[in-house]
Protein backbone atom coordinates (compact mmCIF):
# COMPACT_ATOMS: atom_id res chain seq x y z
CA MET A 1 11.07 -17.63 39.23
CA THR A 2 13.97 -17.49 36.66
CA ARG A 3 12.64 -16.20 32.64
CA PRO A 4 14.30 -17.85 29.98
CA THR A 5 16.21 -15.07 27.63
CA LEU A 6 15.66 -14.77 23.84
CA ARG A 7 18.12 -12.55 21.99
CA VAL A 8 17.14 -10.36 19.30
CA ALA A 9 19.57 -9.20 16.34
CA MET A 10 18.41 -5.85 14.46
CA LEU A 11 19.54 -4.91 10.83
CA GLY A 12 19.24 -0.92 10.64
CA CYS A 13 19.07 1.46 13.10
CA GLY A 14 17.68 4.29 11.55
CA ASN A 15 14.40 5.90 12.69
CA VAL A 16 12.41 3.09 12.62
CA GLY A 17 15.59 0.80 14.08
CA SER A 18 16.35 3.43 16.78
CA ASP A 19 12.73 3.69 18.17
CA VAL A 20 12.44 -0.66 18.35
CA ALA A 21 16.14 -0.55 20.07
CA ARG A 22 14.79 2.35 22.46
CA ILE A 23 11.66 0.14 23.49
CA LEU A 24 13.42 -3.03 24.09
CA LEU A 25 15.94 -0.96 26.30
CA ARG A 26 13.54 1.05 27.99
CA ASP A 27 10.52 -1.29 28.31
CA GLY A 28 12.35 -4.92 29.10
CA GLU A 29 11.12 -5.47 32.39
CA GLU A 30 7.22 -4.96 31.32
CA LEU A 31 7.82 -6.87 27.97
CA GLU A 32 9.26 -9.59 30.25
CA GLN A 33 6.10 -10.01 32.13
CA ARG A 34 3.81 -9.98 28.90
CA ILE A 35 6.20 -12.75 26.98
CA GLY A 36 7.19 -14.90 30.01
CA ALA A 37 10.67 -14.57 28.72
CA ARG A 38 13.66 -11.65 28.60
CA LEU A 39 14.17 -9.85 25.42
CA GLU A 40 17.59 -8.70 24.98
CA LEU A 41 18.94 -6.69 22.27
CA ALA A 42 22.24 -8.79 21.31
CA GLY A 43 23.50 -6.73 18.29
CA VAL A 44 22.62 -4.05 15.65
CA ALA A 45 23.97 -4.38 12.13
CA VAL A 46 24.59 -0.68 10.76
CA ARG A 47 26.69 0.34 7.21
CA ARG A 48 28.65 3.07 9.15
CA LEU A 49 29.94 2.60 12.99
CA ASP A 50 30.42 6.63 13.12
CA ARG A 51 26.96 7.61 12.20
CA ALA A 52 25.11 9.45 14.76
CA ARG A 53 22.00 7.75 16.08
CA ASN A 54 18.56 8.61 17.89
CA VAL A 55 19.00 5.78 20.55
CA ASP A 56 22.18 5.35 23.13
CA LEU A 57 23.86 1.82 22.32
CA ASP A 58 26.42 -0.10 24.13
CA PRO A 59 29.26 0.44 21.46
CA SER A 60 29.72 -3.40 21.66
CA LEU A 61 26.21 -3.95 20.42
CA VAL A 62 27.09 -2.35 17.16
CA THR A 63 28.63 -4.24 13.91
CA THR A 64 28.89 -3.76 10.40
CA ASP A 65 29.08 -7.64 9.82
CA ALA A 66 25.23 -8.49 9.12
CA HIS A 67 25.71 -11.62 7.92
CA ALA A 68 27.87 -12.83 11.00
CA LEU A 69 25.39 -11.28 13.33
CA VAL A 70 22.09 -13.07 11.94
CA THR A 71 23.93 -16.32 11.81
CA ARG A 72 25.49 -16.64 15.24
CA ASP A 73 24.29 -19.36 17.48
CA ASP A 74 23.04 -17.38 20.55
CA ILE A 75 20.64 -15.18 18.01
CA ASP A 76 16.75 -16.38 18.28
CA ILE A 77 15.22 -13.39 16.29
CA VAL A 78 16.12 -11.22 13.79
CA VAL A 79 14.44 -7.72 13.21
CA GLU A 80 15.13 -6.53 9.89
CA VAL A 81 14.59 -2.64 9.09
CA ILE A 82 17.26 -1.87 6.55
CA GLY A 83 14.74 -1.49 3.71
CA GLY A 84 15.30 -2.58 -0.13
CA ILE A 85 15.92 -5.70 -1.68
CA GLU A 86 19.95 -6.46 -1.14
CA PRO A 87 21.42 -6.96 1.20
CA ALA A 88 18.15 -7.43 3.02
CA ARG A 89 16.91 -10.40 0.69
CA GLY A 90 20.38 -12.11 1.45
CA LEU A 91 20.34 -11.51 5.13
CA ILE A 92 16.82 -12.76 5.84
CA LEU A 93 17.40 -16.33 4.05
CA ALA A 94 20.42 -16.39 5.97
CA ALA A 95 18.63 -15.93 9.23
CA LEU A 96 15.95 -18.42 8.27
CA GLU A 97 18.65 -21.20 7.20
CA ALA A 98 20.39 -20.55 10.55
CA GLY A 99 17.06 -20.90 12.42
CA LYS A 100 16.11 -17.71 13.50
CA SER A 101 12.33 -16.17 13.25
CA VAL A 102 12.38 -13.08 11.23
CA VAL A 103 10.36 -9.90 11.79
CA THR A 104 10.65 -7.38 8.68
CA ALA A 105 9.16 -4.04 7.77
CA ASN A 106 10.58 -4.37 4.06
CA LYS A 107 7.28 -3.62 1.36
CA ALA A 108 9.58 -3.99 -1.59
CA LEU A 109 10.67 -6.69 -0.98
CA LEU A 110 7.97 -8.74 -0.17
CA ALA A 111 6.57 -7.95 -2.76
CA GLU A 112 8.99 -8.86 -5.00
CA ASP A 113 10.10 -12.04 -3.54
CA GLY A 114 7.64 -12.72 -0.79
CA ALA A 115 7.60 -16.48 -2.14
CA VAL A 116 10.83 -17.20 -1.93
CA LEU A 117 10.90 -15.68 1.60
CA SER A 118 8.03 -17.61 2.68
CA GLU A 119 9.28 -21.01 1.50
CA ALA A 120 12.61 -20.32 3.29
CA ALA A 121 10.79 -19.84 6.48
CA GLU A 122 8.54 -22.98 5.79
CA LYS A 123 11.72 -25.26 5.16
CA ALA A 124 13.22 -23.86 8.12
CA GLY A 125 10.27 -24.02 10.47
CA ARG A 126 10.31 -20.61 11.48
CA ASP A 127 8.08 -17.38 11.63
CA LEU A 128 8.31 -14.63 8.94
CA TYR A 129 6.11 -11.95 10.28
CA PHE A 130 5.61 -8.52 8.49
CA GLU A 131 2.54 -6.18 9.92
CA ALA A 132 4.78 -2.99 9.73
CA ALA A 133 5.22 -3.57 5.83
CA VAL A 134 1.85 -2.06 5.18
CA ALA A 135 0.28 0.86 7.09
CA GLY A 136 2.89 1.59 9.38
CA ALA A 137 1.07 1.01 12.98
CA ILE A 138 -2.22 -0.10 11.57
CA PRO A 139 -3.03 -3.56 12.24
CA ILE A 140 -4.11 -5.04 8.70
CA VAL A 141 -1.76 -8.04 8.09
CA ARG A 142 -2.99 -9.70 11.29
CA PRO A 143 -6.76 -9.09 10.65
CA LEU A 144 -6.24 -10.45 6.99
CA ARG A 145 -4.02 -13.38 7.48
CA ASP A 146 -6.02 -14.50 10.78
CA SER A 147 -9.25 -12.68 11.93
CA LEU A 148 -10.62 -13.23 8.62
CA ALA A 149 -9.12 -16.57 7.97
CA GLY A 150 -12.74 -17.82 7.92
CA ASP A 151 -14.45 -15.08 5.78
CA HIS A 152 -13.88 -14.70 2.27
CA VAL A 153 -12.66 -10.98 1.31
CA ARG A 154 -14.28 -9.32 -1.63
CA ARG A 155 -12.36 -6.08 -1.65
CA VAL A 156 -9.40 -3.96 0.00
CA LEU A 157 -9.61 -0.49 -0.74
CA GLY A 158 -6.83 1.66 0.62
CA ILE A 159 -4.90 4.95 1.34
CA VAL A 160 -1.72 3.40 2.08
CA ASN A 161 0.86 6.20 1.01
CA GLY A 162 0.98 9.39 3.72
CA THR A 163 2.76 11.09 1.25
CA THR A 164 0.33 11.35 -1.43
CA ASN A 165 -2.69 11.44 0.87
CA TYR A 166 -0.87 14.50 2.19
CA ILE A 167 -0.38 16.21 -1.16
CA LEU A 168 -3.80 15.63 -2.48
CA ASP A 169 -5.42 16.52 0.60
CA ALA A 170 -3.72 19.89 0.34
CA MET A 171 -4.84 20.26 -2.99
CA THR A 172 -8.79 19.88 -2.26
CA THR A 173 -8.56 22.09 1.19
CA THR A 174 -6.23 24.87 0.42
CA GLY A 175 -6.55 24.91 -4.13
CA ALA A 176 -2.49 24.45 -4.21
CA GLY A 177 -1.37 22.76 -7.07
CA PHE A 178 0.59 19.46 -7.34
CA SER A 179 3.83 21.24 -7.09
CA GLU A 180 3.10 23.45 -4.65
CA ALA A 181 1.78 20.75 -2.45
CA LEU A 182 4.61 18.44 -2.74
CA GLU A 183 6.94 21.41 -1.88
CA THR A 184 5.21 21.66 1.35
CA ALA A 185 4.95 18.31 2.30
CA GLN A 186 8.80 18.12 1.70
CA GLU A 187 9.44 20.97 3.94
CA LEU A 188 7.51 19.34 6.47
CA GLY A 189 8.99 15.93 6.15
CA TYR A 190 6.20 13.91 4.59
CA ALA A 191 8.07 13.59 1.41
CA GLU A 192 11.45 12.68 0.34
CA ALA A 193 13.71 14.79 -1.60
CA ASP A 194 13.05 12.27 -4.24
CA PRO A 195 9.60 11.99 -3.93
CA THR A 196 9.51 9.30 -6.81
CA ALA A 197 8.55 6.48 -4.96
CA ASP A 198 5.84 7.75 -3.42
CA VAL A 199 4.31 10.05 -5.88
CA GLU A 200 4.50 7.67 -8.61
CA GLY A 201 2.96 4.94 -6.81
CA PHE A 202 5.80 2.32 -6.35
CA ASP A 203 5.17 2.53 -2.38
CA ALA A 204 1.87 1.56 -2.48
CA ALA A 205 1.87 -1.05 -5.54
CA SER A 206 4.35 -3.14 -2.93
CA LYS A 207 1.87 -2.63 -0.63
CA ALA A 208 -1.00 -3.52 -2.64
CA ALA A 209 0.75 -6.78 -3.88
CA ILE A 210 1.03 -7.77 0.02
CA LEU A 211 -2.59 -6.91 0.69
CA ALA A 212 -3.72 -8.66 -2.57
CA SER A 213 -1.74 -11.97 -1.53
CA LEU A 214 -3.31 -12.35 1.96
CA ALA A 215 -6.67 -11.36 1.07
CA PHE A 216 -7.15 -13.65 -1.84
CA HIS A 217 -4.55 -16.65 -0.77
CA THR A 218 -2.87 -16.00 -3.77
CA ARG A 219 0.77 -14.96 -4.68
CA VAL A 220 0.79 -11.49 -5.96
CA THR A 221 3.67 -9.40 -6.83
CA GLY A 222 4.63 -6.07 -7.50
CA ALA A 223 4.94 -6.44 -11.20
CA ASN A 224 1.07 -7.77 -10.73
CA VAL A 225 -0.01 -4.51 -9.81
CA TYR A 226 -1.31 -1.82 -12.16
CA ARG A 227 0.36 1.59 -11.16
CA GLU A 228 -0.05 5.09 -11.61
CA GLY A 229 0.85 8.13 -9.52
CA ILE A 230 -0.41 11.50 -8.93
CA SER A 231 2.06 13.50 -10.58
CA GLU A 232 -0.74 14.10 -13.16
CA VAL A 233 -3.36 15.45 -11.28
CA SER A 234 -4.44 18.72 -11.72
CA SER A 235 -6.12 21.52 -9.84
CA ALA A 236 -9.05 20.82 -12.20
CA ASP A 237 -9.33 17.44 -11.58
CA ILE A 238 -9.76 18.20 -7.87
CA ARG A 239 -12.76 21.15 -8.97
CA SER A 240 -14.45 18.51 -11.03
CA ALA A 241 -14.37 15.71 -8.20
CA SER A 242 -15.58 18.49 -5.93
CA GLU A 243 -18.45 19.39 -8.17
CA MET A 244 -19.44 15.14 -8.33
CA GLY A 245 -19.26 15.55 -4.61
CA CYS A 246 -16.43 13.52 -4.53
CA VAL A 247 -12.47 13.89 -3.64
CA VAL A 248 -9.44 12.41 -5.10
CA LYS A 249 -7.42 9.81 -3.46
CA LEU A 250 -4.43 7.43 -4.66
CA LEU A 251 -6.19 4.47 -3.90
CA ALA A 252 -4.61 0.32 -3.77
CA ILE A 253 -7.47 -1.24 -5.00
CA CYS A 254 -7.42 -5.30 -4.52
CA GLU A 255 -10.42 -7.11 -5.79
CA ARG A 256 -11.85 -10.65 -6.21
CA ILE A 257 -13.31 -11.02 -9.54
CA ASP A 258 -15.88 -13.86 -10.66
CA THR A 259 -14.79 -14.91 -14.52
CA PRO A 260 -16.46 -17.69 -16.46
CA SER A 261 -13.16 -19.57 -15.35
CA GLY A 262 -13.50 -19.08 -11.95
CA PRO A 263 -12.40 -16.42 -9.04
CA ALA A 264 -9.79 -14.38 -10.19
CA VAL A 265 -7.73 -11.38 -8.79
CA SER A 266 -6.92 -7.64 -9.50
CA ALA A 267 -4.66 -5.42 -8.00
CA ARG A 268 -4.21 -1.63 -9.34
CA VAL A 269 -3.08 1.65 -7.56
CA HIS A 270 -3.97 4.78 -9.31
CA PRO A 271 -5.65 8.38 -8.34
CA ALA A 272 -9.32 8.00 -8.11
CA MET A 273 -12.51 10.09 -7.60
CA ILE A 274 -14.30 8.57 -4.49
CA PRO A 275 -17.65 10.29 -2.93
CA ASP A 276 -17.01 12.28 -0.12
CA SER A 277 -19.68 9.87 1.72
CA HIS A 278 -17.07 7.28 1.93
CA PRO A 279 -15.24 6.63 5.07
CA LEU A 280 -11.87 6.74 2.89
CA ALA A 281 -12.70 10.51 1.71
CA SER A 282 -12.26 11.85 5.37
CA VAL A 283 -8.69 10.27 5.47
CA HIS A 284 -6.71 13.65 5.78
CA GLN A 285 -3.09 14.92 5.73
CA ALA A 286 -0.75 11.99 5.74
CA PHE A 287 -2.72 9.09 7.58
CA ASN A 288 -3.61 5.82 6.04
CA ALA A 289 -6.50 3.65 5.84
CA VAL A 290 -7.61 0.15 4.60
CA PHE A 291 -11.15 -0.34 3.94
CA VAL A 292 -12.16 -4.27 3.67
CA GLU A 293 -15.05 -5.51 2.50
CA SER A 294 -16.31 -9.36 3.11
CA ASP A 295 -19.08 -11.81 2.83
CA ALA A 296 -19.61 -12.49 6.35
CA ALA A 297 -18.17 -9.49 8.21
CA GLY A 298 -18.90 -6.87 5.97
CA GLU A 299 -17.35 -3.53 6.01
CA LEU A 300 -14.31 -3.07 7.94
CA MET A 301 -12.09 0.11 8.13
CA PHE A 302 -8.45 0.14 9.83
CA TYR A 303 -7.15 3.85 10.22
CA GLY A 304 -4.02 5.12 11.77
CA PRO A 305 -0.67 6.92 11.23
CA GLY A 306 1.10 5.10 8.34
CA ALA A 307 4.61 5.64 8.60
CA GLY A 308 7.41 7.32 10.51
CA GLY A 309 9.56 5.65 13.35
CA PRO A 310 7.29 5.58 16.16
CA PRO A 311 4.21 4.06 14.40
CA THR A 312 6.06 1.78 12.38
CA ALA A 313 8.16 0.83 15.38
CA SER A 314 4.73 -0.12 17.06
CA ALA A 315 3.91 -2.54 14.38
CA VAL A 316 7.30 -4.50 14.50
CA MET A 317 7.08 -4.70 18.40
CA GLY A 318 3.91 -6.49 17.88
CA ASP A 319 5.37 -8.92 15.51
CA LEU A 320 8.30 -9.32 17.71
CA MET A 321 5.99 -10.26 20.78
CA SER A 322 4.04 -12.91 18.72
CA VAL A 323 7.33 -14.37 17.56
CA ALA A 324 8.76 -14.46 20.84
CA ARG A 325 5.82 -16.47 22.33
CA HIS A 326 5.90 -18.91 19.44
CA ARG A 327 9.75 -19.73 20.15
CA LEU A 328 8.93 -20.33 23.52
CA GLN A 329 5.96 -22.34 22.75
CA GLY A 330 7.77 -24.23 20.20
CA VAL A 331 5.25 -23.41 17.37
CA ARG A 332 5.09 -21.31 14.52
CA GLY A 333 2.44 -18.74 13.31
CA PRO A 334 0.32 -19.03 10.33
CA ALA A 335 2.21 -19.66 7.08
CA GLU A 336 2.05 -18.23 3.54
CA SER A 337 -1.71 -19.56 2.28
CA THR A 338 -2.05 -19.59 -1.43
CA HIS A 339 -4.12 -22.48 -1.65
CA ALA A 340 -6.44 -20.53 -4.17
CA GLN A 341 -3.67 -19.88 -6.90
CA ALA A 342 -6.48 -17.69 -8.52
CA GLU A 343 -5.35 -15.99 -12.04
CA VAL A 344 -3.98 -12.29 -11.85
CA LEU A 345 -5.85 -10.17 -13.93
CA ASP A 346 -4.20 -7.18 -15.94
CA ILE A 347 -5.72 -4.04 -15.68
CA GLY A 348 -7.59 -4.20 -18.86
CA ARG A 349 -10.16 -6.94 -17.47
CA ALA A 350 -10.80 -4.73 -14.45
CA ARG A 351 -14.49 -3.25 -14.14
CA THR A 352 -14.31 0.77 -12.98
CA ARG A 353 -15.74 3.71 -14.68
CA TYR A 354 -13.79 6.92 -15.99
CA HIS A 355 -14.47 10.63 -15.26
CA ILE A 356 -13.30 12.25 -18.83
CA ALA A 357 -13.32 15.84 -19.64
CA ILE A 358 -12.72 16.62 -23.36
CA ASP A 359 -11.99 20.00 -25.05
CA VAL A 360 -14.30 20.13 -28.39
CA ASP A 361 -15.37 22.53 -30.93
CA ASP A 362 -18.84 24.23 -29.93
CA LYS A 363 -20.99 23.26 -32.73
CA PRO A 364 -24.04 21.18 -33.58
CA GLY A 365 -23.63 17.54 -33.66
CA VAL A 366 -20.58 17.41 -31.34
CA LEU A 367 -22.14 15.60 -28.46
CA ALA A 368 -23.87 13.09 -30.24
CA THR A 369 -20.37 12.12 -32.24
CA VAL A 370 -18.47 11.85 -28.82
CA ALA A 371 -21.50 9.52 -27.72
CA GLN A 372 -21.25 7.23 -30.87
CA ALA A 373 -17.45 6.56 -29.87
CA PHE A 374 -18.49 5.64 -26.14
CA SER A 375 -21.16 3.44 -28.22
CA GLU A 376 -18.99 1.57 -30.59
CA HIS A 377 -16.84 0.29 -28.01
CA GLY A 378 -19.51 -1.06 -25.48
CA VAL A 379 -19.31 1.75 -22.87
CA SER A 380 -22.81 3.28 -21.47
CA ILE A 381 -22.65 7.39 -20.22
CA ARG A 382 -23.86 7.80 -16.96
CA THR A 383 -23.72 11.82 -17.11
CA VAL A 384 -22.63 14.35 -19.35
CA ARG A 385 -22.08 18.29 -18.69
CA GLN A 386 -21.15 20.62 -21.30
CA GLU A 387 -19.89 23.85 -20.47
CA GLY A 388 -19.20 26.51 -23.83
CA ARG A 389 -16.12 28.57 -23.82
CA GLY A 390 -16.51 31.06 -26.82
CA ASP A 391 -15.58 28.93 -30.05
CA ASP A 392 -14.67 25.54 -27.92
CA ALA A 393 -16.55 23.73 -24.79
CA GLN A 394 -15.53 21.37 -22.46
CA LEU A 395 -17.82 17.93 -22.21
CA VAL A 396 -17.47 16.27 -18.99
CA VAL A 397 -18.22 12.66 -19.04
CA VAL A 398 -18.71 10.04 -16.32
CA THR A 399 -19.32 6.62 -17.64
CA HIS A 400 -21.12 3.57 -16.49
CA GLU A 401 -18.78 0.61 -15.19
CA ALA A 402 -17.02 -1.41 -17.84
CA ASP A 403 -14.06 -3.24 -18.35
CA ASP A 404 -11.31 -1.00 -18.22
CA ALA A 405 -9.55 -1.53 -21.71
CA ALA A 406 -13.25 -0.66 -23.28
CA LEU A 407 -12.92 2.50 -21.80
CA SER A 408 -9.09 3.23 -22.48
CA ALA A 409 -10.12 2.03 -26.21
CA THR A 410 -12.92 4.45 -25.73
CA VAL A 411 -10.40 7.29 -24.84
CA ARG A 412 -8.03 6.67 -27.74
CA GLY A 413 -11.00 6.93 -30.27
CA LEU A 414 -11.99 10.37 -28.76
CA HIS A 415 -8.34 11.61 -29.58
CA ASP A 416 -8.71 10.59 -33.19
CA LEU A 417 -12.29 12.90 -33.71
CA ALA A 418 -11.29 16.14 -35.71
CA MET A 419 -13.79 18.06 -33.41
CA VAL A 420 -11.84 16.95 -30.32
CA ARG A 421 -9.15 19.55 -29.60
CA ASP A 422 -7.76 17.64 -26.55
CA ILE A 423 -8.52 15.41 -23.57
CA SER A 424 -7.51 17.39 -20.34
CA SER A 425 -8.48 14.66 -18.03
CA VAL A 426 -8.95 11.30 -17.62
CA MET A 427 -9.72 9.67 -14.28
CA ARG A 428 -10.89 6.54 -12.79
CA VAL A 429 -14.22 7.00 -10.32
CA GLU A 430 -15.31 4.37 -7.76
CA GLY A 431 -18.09 4.21 -5.88
CA ALA A 432 -21.44 5.83 -6.04
CA VAL A 433 -21.26 9.64 -6.63
CA ARG A 434 -23.88 12.45 -5.68
CA SER A 435 -26.12 12.47 -8.79
CA GLU A 436 -26.43 8.53 -8.35
């Protein structure tokens, strides 16, 4: 029996693109058996023709004219793995307008312009799939979009950046400082020469926007996500976390919050202390994990390699297989779901707890004055520990849950107290710690 052929165009041939091309060329016969159609790599668009690549391609397939490639009449599916906003955005829109289905791994573009891309896919009646945009090989987009479609997701808590997890894990397990751990990560290839996107939380914030949009059926952009990186995390923070039975992780936290005016959504990325009993605490090195809490399914955890050529290519290929089946059947997969249109809250209305290390004068009445500062802002103290240091002391305070705005106001008020010499650490705490 002669099977139909679906022709694939690929934008980009870096680490991920090379692995996708290799799979298509190497496993063509087996993929044909699985799909019921032959997948033919019909063209690869690159920036430079003379650049060495990690896959042996027929030179006739390689072009620098990406727009001409994605709009060719014989192309059925476009795979975008070049990253960034432009030219990726224009090329994806051109492909959809020309009737092509699209698979992309572009988290930054989806976080910034996902609504525009989804509307273009809807208008064209074509698929826009993006499993590889969040957490590499870990299947999390499809479970949120499909498997949990009949459930109510309450919270998504994730370690979605391998670079920062490697650094924080090294600081925890070896006692290294931030700079030393970052340098090691760069030597091992876990961190870029310019690590800003990772260590300052931009990468994780893009992924948080995608996760929140899927989980809560509400359009959330990268600009809606509160972001803090890990560059200010100190060895003292790591030690304090350990003393509380916690570890420090950079978390993407997406929540559905009930407000007087109805359900709302909060999305934030920041370092936080989590109990060492929490499943995410055991995620080491450059691995990723996403923890989902829902009404019916309960607690679910998705774990695995979150970056790198082969893992990301695996996710791209999974999407490519699904999109190919849809083309054969003349249907399209689930479209963007934004029916909830919930309000997206700013960080001030998120509910969390703080761990605060306060350097103070070591004299009577200091603790009472500090406690009063918390009380004035409606923040209740859960635990307090005092350590004497000659003429000064350090108070380590862990609060009960409160609005982030009230907690931030408390910290500002503490700075104004005459007996407070410095606030050496402020970090959010997620989950119940050992002392509780």
